[in-house]
Amino acid sequence: QVQLVESGGGLVQPGGSLRLSCTNSGRTVPTSTMAWFRQSAGKAREFVGVSHWRTGVLYTADVSDSVRGRFIISRDGAKNTMYLQMNSLKPEDTAIYYCAVYLRGYYESSSSYNYWGQGTRVTVSS
C-alpha cells in the first residue's frame, strides 16, 4: 500500500526558505500524480502544487498562482521522495502542509486524492 510521510516543516523568518519532503514508504508507483496542499487555521485545504512522473522520472510539475515563482516541486527517485522547495516565504504561507496521491478528477480538488500524509507544520514569523 501507499504510505506518505511529510517532513521538513518548522519556524522560519519572512524571506527565508524551507524544503519539505514527502516520502512514500509503501509500494512503488511506476506512474503517479502527487500534489501538495496546505491548510491554515480556520480555512479550507488549499492546493499548492502538483507533480507527474512515469517510471521514476518527474516529467512535469506546476504550482498555484499564489506560490508561483517562489515554490518548486522536485523529486529524488533514489529516495522515493517528492520535495517542495519553499523560497521567499511570507507569513501567509503559514499552514500545515500535506502531500497526497492522485486518484481521479480535478488536480486542484482535495477530493481527487485518495492517500494523504499526516502533514508538517510551517510557521513563517519574525
Protein backbone atom coordinates (compact mmCIF):
# COMPACT_ATOMS: atom_id res chain seq x y z
CA GLN A 1 0.00 0.00 0.00
CA VAL A 2 0.95 3.66 -0.32
CA GLN A 3 2.02 5.42 2.86
CA LEU A 4 3.09 9.06 2.78
CA VAL A 5 5.19 10.86 5.37
CA GLU A 6 5.88 14.60 5.26
CA SER A 7 8.80 16.28 6.98
CA GLY A 8 10.86 19.46 6.91
CA GLY A 9 8.47 21.94 8.46
CA GLY A 10 9.42 24.39 11.16
CA LEU A 11 9.71 28.03 12.14
CA VAL A 12 11.32 30.41 9.65
CA GLN A 13 11.59 34.17 9.30
CA PRO A 14 9.89 36.01 6.43
CA GLY A 15 12.05 35.81 3.32
CA GLY A 16 13.59 32.55 4.43
CA SER A 17 13.45 29.10 2.86
CA LEU A 18 12.40 25.59 3.76
CA ARG A 19 12.39 22.33 1.87
CA LEU A 20 9.54 19.95 2.63
CA SER A 21 9.81 16.25 1.89
CA CYS A 22 7.14 13.69 1.13
CA THR A 23 8.33 10.11 1.20
CA ASN A 24 6.30 7.15 0.01
CA SER A 25 7.25 4.33 2.36
CA GLY A 26 4.80 1.93 0.72
CA ARG A 27 4.65 0.26 -2.66
CA THR A 28 6.45 1.54 -5.73
CA VAL A 29 4.22 3.52 -8.10
CA PRO A 30 5.59 3.47 -11.70
CA THR A 31 3.17 6.17 -12.85
CA SER A 32 1.98 8.73 -10.36
CA THR A 33 0.45 12.13 -9.87
CA MET A 34 1.05 13.67 -6.48
CA ALA A 35 0.29 17.06 -5.00
CA TRP A 36 0.97 19.41 -2.14
CA PHE A 37 -1.89 21.02 -0.24
CA ARG A 38 -1.87 23.30 2.76
CA GLN A 39 -4.36 24.24 5.44
CA SER A 40 -4.29 27.27 7.70
CA ALA A 41 -6.27 27.64 10.91
CA GLY A 42 -9.93 28.22 10.15
CA LYS A 43 -9.52 27.76 6.39
CA ALA A 44 -10.20 25.03 3.87
CA ARG A 45 -7.43 22.89 2.47
CA GLU A 46 -5.73 24.76 -0.38
CA PHE A 47 -4.00 23.42 -3.47
CA VAL A 48 -0.29 24.30 -3.63
CA GLY A 49 1.18 22.28 -6.49
CA VAL A 50 1.08 19.04 -8.46
CA SER A 51 3.72 16.73 -9.94
CA HIS A 52 3.54 13.98 -12.56
CA TRP A 53 6.05 11.21 -13.19
CA ARG A 54 6.42 7.92 -15.04
CA THR A 55 8.78 5.07 -14.19
CA GLY A 56 10.58 7.14 -11.60
CA VAL A 57 11.06 10.25 -13.76
CA LEU A 58 9.45 13.57 -12.89
CA TYR A 59 8.40 14.98 -16.26
CA THR A 60 6.13 17.89 -15.37
CA ALA A 61 5.03 19.94 -12.39
CA ASP A 62 3.03 23.06 -11.65
CA VAL A 63 2.20 25.25 -8.67
CA SER A 64 -0.65 27.54 -7.77
CA ASP A 65 -0.60 31.23 -8.65
CA SER A 66 -0.15 32.21 -5.02
CA VAL A 67 3.25 30.49 -4.81
CA ARG A 68 4.43 30.63 -8.42
CA GLY A 69 7.99 31.89 -8.70
CA ARG A 70 8.69 31.02 -5.06
CA PHE A 71 7.90 27.31 -4.66
CA ILE A 72 9.36 24.48 -6.75
CA ILE A 73 8.44 20.80 -6.82
CA SER A 74 11.17 18.23 -7.43
CA ARG A 75 11.83 14.55 -6.88
CA ASP A 76 14.67 12.31 -5.74
CA GLY A 77 13.98 8.97 -7.34
CA ALA A 78 16.67 7.18 -5.35
CA LYS A 79 14.96 8.17 -2.10
CA ASN A 80 11.39 7.81 -3.43
CA THR A 81 10.75 11.34 -2.21
CA MET A 82 8.94 14.40 -3.57
CA TYR A 83 10.14 17.81 -2.41
CA LEU A 84 8.58 21.23 -2.09
CA GLN A 85 11.29 23.88 -2.10
CA MET A 86 9.80 26.99 -0.49
CA ASN A 87 11.66 30.26 -1.05
CA SER A 88 10.88 33.87 -0.13
CA LEU A 89 8.44 32.70 2.49
CA LYS A 90 5.69 35.02 3.66
CA PRO A 91 3.58 35.00 6.83
CA GLU A 92 0.57 33.96 4.74
CA ASP A 93 2.42 30.73 3.86
CA THR A 94 1.96 29.61 7.47
CA ALA A 95 -0.02 26.37 7.38
CA ILE A 96 0.12 22.64 7.78
CA TYR A 97 1.39 21.18 4.51
CA TYR A 98 0.18 17.82 3.23
CA CYS A 99 1.16 15.62 0.32
CA ALA A 100 -1.29 13.35 -1.46
CA VAL A 101 -1.57 10.74 -4.21
CA TYR A 102 -3.99 11.43 -7.05
CA LEU A 103 -6.90 9.11 -7.84
CA ARG A 104 -9.16 10.91 -10.35
CA GLY A 105 -10.81 14.24 -11.03
CA TYR A 106 -9.55 17.81 -10.97
CA TYR A 107 -5.97 18.21 -9.80
CA GLU A 108 -6.76 21.22 -7.62
CA SER A 109 -9.52 19.47 -5.68
CA SER A 110 -8.58 17.66 -2.49
CA SER A 111 -11.36 15.13 -3.17
CA SER A 112 -9.38 13.87 -6.19
CA TYR A 113 -6.72 12.31 -3.95
CA ASN A 114 -7.02 9.04 -2.07
CA TYR A 115 -3.83 8.89 0.00
CA TRP A 116 -2.64 11.58 2.40
CA GLY A 117 0.27 12.13 4.73
CA GLN A 118 -0.07 13.38 8.28
CA GLY A 119 1.14 16.89 7.45
CA THR A 120 4.09 19.03 8.51
CA ARG A 121 3.70 22.45 10.07
CA VAL A 122 5.28 25.57 8.57
CA THR A 123 5.31 28.80 10.56
CA VAL A 124 6.61 32.00 8.97
CA SER A 125 7.10 34.68 11.60
CA SER A 126 9.65 37.19 12.83
